[in-house]
């Protein structure tokens, strides 16, 4: 799994295209416990004003993915790589109507995400990544 994650992260960071019908980016967070950089390939959909939405779906698992906790522990140290460009971003978890609108945008763009909601009892966190600077 680590090999596949590393492969997909490299591809996501260098590619401007999509894979399996999804836009990909490489998310770099700092480990909540280790303090070490962690890189994860993720699907994203465009948000307003150049932002990107990502969902902490973990394919509908019962708990949030590790990157979500890393992002929460160190929100000021988040970077994305897409199209060969590294971009420092501000990560913000969305709530209420804003979250629902973003979720609708995600499911409209990548319908398979809709099935994740039925696999778990947890509310899937939606994060808006906005370029800093």
C-alpha atoms as a PDB file:
ATOM      1  CA  UNK A   1       0.000   0.000   0.000  1.00  0.00           C
ATOM      2  CA  UNK A   2       2.850   2.410   0.798  1.00  0.00           C
ATOM      3  CA  UNK A   3       4.407   1.758  -2.605  1.00  0.00           C
ATOM      4  CA  UNK A   4       1.088   2.449  -4.341  1.00  0.00           C
ATOM      5  CA  UNK A   5       0.600   5.625  -2.287  1.00  0.00           C
ATOM      6  CA  UNK A   6       4.108   6.849  -3.169  1.00  0.00           C
ATOM      7  CA  UNK A   7       3.559   6.075  -6.854  1.00  0.00           C
ATOM      8  CA  UNK A   8       0.211   7.878  -6.936  1.00  0.00           C
ATOM      9  CA  UNK A   9       1.631  10.870  -5.015  1.00  0.00           C
ATOM     10  CA  UNK A  10       4.413  11.294  -7.574  1.00  0.00           C
ATOM     11  CA  UNK A  11       1.957  10.963 -10.433  1.00  0.00           C
ATOM     12  CA  UNK A  12      -0.537  13.361  -8.834  1.00  0.00           C
ATOM     13  CA  UNK A  13       2.110  15.990  -8.167  1.00  0.00           C
ATOM     14  CA  UNK A  14       3.544  15.903 -11.661  1.00  0.00           C
ATOM     15  CA  UNK A  15       0.393  15.389 -13.673  1.00  0.00           C
ATOM     16  CA  UNK A  16      -2.098  17.995 -14.779  1.00  0.00           C
ATOM     17  CA  UNK A  17      -4.545  15.314 -15.856  1.00  0.00           C
ATOM     18  CA  UNK A  18      -6.837  13.008 -14.053  1.00  0.00           C
ATOM     19  CA  UNK A  19      -6.918   9.353 -13.179  1.00  0.00           C
ATOM     20  CA  UNK A  20      -9.998   7.154 -13.036  1.00  0.00           C
ATOM     21  CA  UNK A  21     -12.147  10.213 -13.749  1.00  0.00           C
ATOM     22  CA  UNK A  22     -10.724  12.313 -10.898  1.00  0.00           C
ATOM     23  CA  UNK A  23      -8.391  15.295 -10.667  1.00  0.00           C
ATOM     24  CA  UNK A  24      -5.414  14.373  -8.502  1.00  0.00           C
ATOM     25  CA  UNK A  25      -3.110  16.343  -6.230  1.00  0.00           C
ATOM     26  CA  UNK A  26      -0.403  15.387  -3.755  1.00  0.00           C
ATOM     27  CA  UNK A  27      -1.209  16.708  -0.269  1.00  0.00           C
ATOM     28  CA  UNK A  28       1.732  17.233   2.079  1.00  0.00           C
ATOM     29  CA  UNK A  29       0.975  17.514   5.775  1.00  0.00           C
ATOM     30  CA  UNK A  30       3.137  17.239   8.882  1.00  0.00           C
ATOM     31  CA  UNK A  31       2.537  14.142  11.003  1.00  0.00           C
ATOM     32  CA  UNK A  32       0.497  14.908  14.122  1.00  0.00           C
ATOM     33  CA  UNK A  33       2.702  12.669  16.280  1.00  0.00           C
ATOM     34  CA  UNK A  34       5.882  12.209  14.257  1.00  0.00           C
ATOM     35  CA  UNK A  35       6.365  15.769  13.025  1.00  0.00           C
ATOM     36  CA  UNK A  36       7.552  14.258   9.723  1.00  0.00           C
ATOM     37  CA  UNK A  37       6.233  15.298   6.314  1.00  0.00           C
ATOM     38  CA  UNK A  38       3.524  12.986   4.971  1.00  0.00           C
ATOM     39  CA  UNK A  39       2.465  12.968   1.336  1.00  0.00           C
ATOM     40  CA  UNK A  40      -0.878  11.602   0.191  1.00  0.00           C
ATOM     41  CA  UNK A  41      -2.503  11.476  -3.250  1.00  0.00           C
ATOM     42  CA  UNK A  42      -6.066  12.795  -3.197  1.00  0.00           C
ATOM     43  CA  UNK A  43      -8.884  13.574  -5.567  1.00  0.00           C
ATOM     44  CA  UNK A  44      -9.999  17.189  -5.694  1.00  0.00           C
ATOM     45  CA  UNK A  45     -12.676  19.301  -7.301  1.00  0.00           C
ATOM     46  CA  UNK A  46     -12.513  23.023  -8.066  1.00  0.00           C
ATOM     47  CA  UNK A  47     -13.932  25.390  -5.496  1.00  0.00           C
ATOM     48  CA  UNK A  48     -14.541  29.117  -5.798  1.00  0.00           C
ATOM     49  CA  UNK A  49     -11.735  31.609  -6.402  1.00  0.00           C
ATOM     50  CA  UNK A  50      -9.017  29.080  -7.192  1.00  0.00           C
ATOM     51  CA  UNK A  51      -9.616  26.942  -4.132  1.00  0.00           C
ATOM     52  CA  UNK A  52      -9.894  23.147  -4.185  1.00  0.00           C
ATOM     53  CA  UNK A  53     -12.177  20.840  -2.234  1.00  0.00           C
ATOM     54  CA  UNK A  54     -10.995  17.526  -0.826  1.00  0.00           C
ATOM     55  CA  UNK A  55     -13.027  14.995   1.148  1.00  0.00           C
ATOM     56  CA  UNK A  56     -11.701  12.958   4.090  1.00  0.00           C
ATOM     57  CA  UNK A  57     -13.752  10.016   2.878  1.00  0.00           C
ATOM     58  CA  UNK A  58     -11.228   7.174   3.305  1.00  0.00           C
ATOM     59  CA  UNK A  59     -13.449   5.265   0.875  1.00  0.00           C
ATOM     60  CA  UNK A  60     -16.272   5.303   3.423  1.00  0.00           C
ATOM     61  CA  UNK A  61     -14.212   3.823   6.296  1.00  0.00           C
ATOM     62  CA  UNK A  62     -15.512   4.103   9.853  1.00  0.00           C
ATOM     63  CA  UNK A  63     -12.782   6.590  10.818  1.00  0.00           C
ATOM     64  CA  UNK A  64     -11.158   9.590   9.199  1.00  0.00           C
ATOM     65  CA  UNK A  65      -7.913   9.105   7.257  1.00  0.00           C
ATOM     66  CA  UNK A  66      -4.565   9.850   8.959  1.00  0.00           C
ATOM     67  CA  UNK A  67      -3.943  12.888   6.752  1.00  0.00           C
ATOM     68  CA  UNK A  68      -7.051  14.535   8.206  1.00  0.00           C
ATOM     69  CA  UNK A  69      -5.594  14.406  11.735  1.00  0.00           C
ATOM     70  CA  UNK A  70      -2.234  15.645  10.470  1.00  0.00           C
ATOM     71  CA  UNK A  71      -3.945  18.544   8.739  1.00  0.00           C
ATOM     72  CA  UNK A  72      -5.916  19.372  11.901  1.00  0.00           C
ATOM     73  CA  UNK A  73      -2.765  19.282  14.048  1.00  0.00           C
ATOM     74  CA  UNK A  74      -0.710  21.500  11.725  1.00  0.00           C
ATOM     75  CA  UNK A  75      -3.068  23.454   9.415  1.00  0.00           C
ATOM     76  CA  UNK A  76      -0.447  26.123   8.794  1.00  0.00           C
ATOM     77  CA  UNK A  77       2.021  23.622   7.287  1.00  0.00           C
ATOM     78  CA  UNK A  78      -0.079  22.266   4.424  1.00  0.00           C
ATOM     79  CA  UNK A  79       1.167  22.172   0.835  1.00  0.00           C
ATOM     80  CA  UNK A  80      -0.210  20.694  -2.369  1.00  0.00           C
ATOM     81  CA  UNK A  81       1.569  19.674  -5.511  1.00  0.00           C
ATOM     82  CA  UNK A  82      -0.292  19.632  -8.778  1.00  0.00           C
ATOM     83  CA  UNK A  83       0.937  20.007 -12.324  1.00  0.00           C
ATOM     84  CA  UNK A  84       4.542  20.036 -11.111  1.00  0.00           C
ATOM     85  CA  UNK A  85       3.899  23.124  -8.984  1.00  0.00           C
ATOM     86  CA  UNK A  86       4.137  23.171  -5.184  1.00  0.00           C
ATOM     87  CA  UNK A  87       1.553  25.493  -3.634  1.00  0.00           C
ATOM     88  CA  UNK A  88       1.302  26.464   0.055  1.00  0.00           C
ATOM     89  CA  UNK A  89      -2.373  26.405   1.036  1.00  0.00           C
ATOM     90  CA  UNK A  90      -4.625  27.278   3.922  1.00  0.00           C
ATOM     91  CA  UNK A  91      -6.813  24.335   4.896  1.00  0.00           C
ATOM     92  CA  UNK A  92     -10.275  24.991   6.287  1.00  0.00           C
ATOM     93  CA  UNK A  93     -12.850  22.393   7.272  1.00  0.00           C
ATOM     94  CA  UNK A  94     -16.291  23.355   6.040  1.00  0.00           C
ATOM     95  CA  UNK A  95     -19.503  23.088   8.074  1.00  0.00           C
ATOM     96  CA  UNK A  96     -23.233  23.572   7.615  1.00  0.00           C
ATOM     97  CA  UNK A  97     -24.586  24.839   4.323  1.00  0.00           C
ATOM     98  CA  UNK A  98     -21.131  25.586   2.985  1.00  0.00           C
ATOM     99  CA  UNK A  99     -20.106  21.959   3.582  1.00  0.00           C
ATOM    100  CA  UNK A 100     -23.270  20.630   1.936  1.00  0.00           C
ATOM    101  CA  UNK A 101     -22.740  22.809  -1.144  1.00  0.00           C
ATOM    102  CA  UNK A 102     -19.132  21.599  -1.419  1.00  0.00           C
ATOM    103  CA  UNK A 103     -20.241  17.968  -0.933  1.00  0.00           C
ATOM    104  CA  UNK A 104     -22.767  18.383  -3.749  1.00  0.00           C
ATOM    105  CA  UNK A 105     -20.014  19.785  -5.977  1.00  0.00           C
ATOM    106  CA  UNK A 106     -17.756  16.818  -5.146  1.00  0.00           C
ATOM    107  CA  UNK A 107     -20.446  14.200  -5.795  1.00  0.00           C
ATOM    108  CA  UNK A 108     -21.480  15.930  -9.034  1.00  0.00           C
ATOM    109  CA  UNK A 109     -17.893  15.817 -10.270  1.00  0.00           C
ATOM    110  CA  UNK A 110     -16.976  12.364  -8.922  1.00  0.00           C
ATOM    111  CA  UNK A 111     -20.183  10.337  -8.418  1.00  0.00           C
ATOM    112  CA  UNK A 112     -18.424   7.449  -6.634  1.00  0.00           C
ATOM    113  CA  UNK A 113     -17.992   9.730  -3.595  1.00  0.00           C
ATOM    114  CA  UNK A 114     -21.762   9.578  -3.068  1.00  0.00           C
ATOM    115  CA  UNK A 115     -21.488   5.880  -2.184  1.00  0.00           C
ATOM    116  CA  UNK A 116     -18.973   6.625   0.581  1.00  0.00           C
ATOM    117  CA  UNK A 117     -21.660   8.429   2.571  1.00  0.00           C
ATOM    118  CA  UNK A 118     -23.749   5.258   2.700  1.00  0.00           C
ATOM    119  CA  UNK A 119     -20.827   3.128   3.926  1.00  0.00           C
ATOM    120  CA  UNK A 120     -20.199   5.062   7.145  1.00  0.00           C
ATOM    121  CA  UNK A 121     -22.089   6.672  10.003  1.00  0.00           C
ATOM    122  CA  UNK A 122     -19.602   9.519  10.346  1.00  0.00           C
ATOM    123  CA  UNK A 123     -19.973  12.878   8.651  1.00  0.00           C
ATOM    124  CA  UNK A 124     -17.269  12.968   5.989  1.00  0.00           C
ATOM    125  CA  UNK A 125     -15.166  16.096   6.512  1.00  0.00           C
ATOM    126  CA  UNK A 126     -14.821  18.444   3.549  1.00  0.00           C
ATOM    127  CA  UNK A 127     -11.737  20.632   3.410  1.00  0.00           C
ATOM    128  CA  UNK A 128     -11.255  23.765   1.315  1.00  0.00           C
ATOM    129  CA  UNK A 129      -7.655  24.348   0.250  1.00  0.00           C
ATOM    130  CA  UNK A 130      -6.998  27.986  -0.614  1.00  0.00           C
ATOM    131  CA  UNK A 131      -3.628  29.131  -1.967  1.00  0.00           C
ATOM    132  CA  UNK A 132      -1.734  31.337   0.512  1.00  0.00           C
ATOM    133  CA  UNK A 133      -0.071  34.542  -0.476  1.00  0.00           C
END
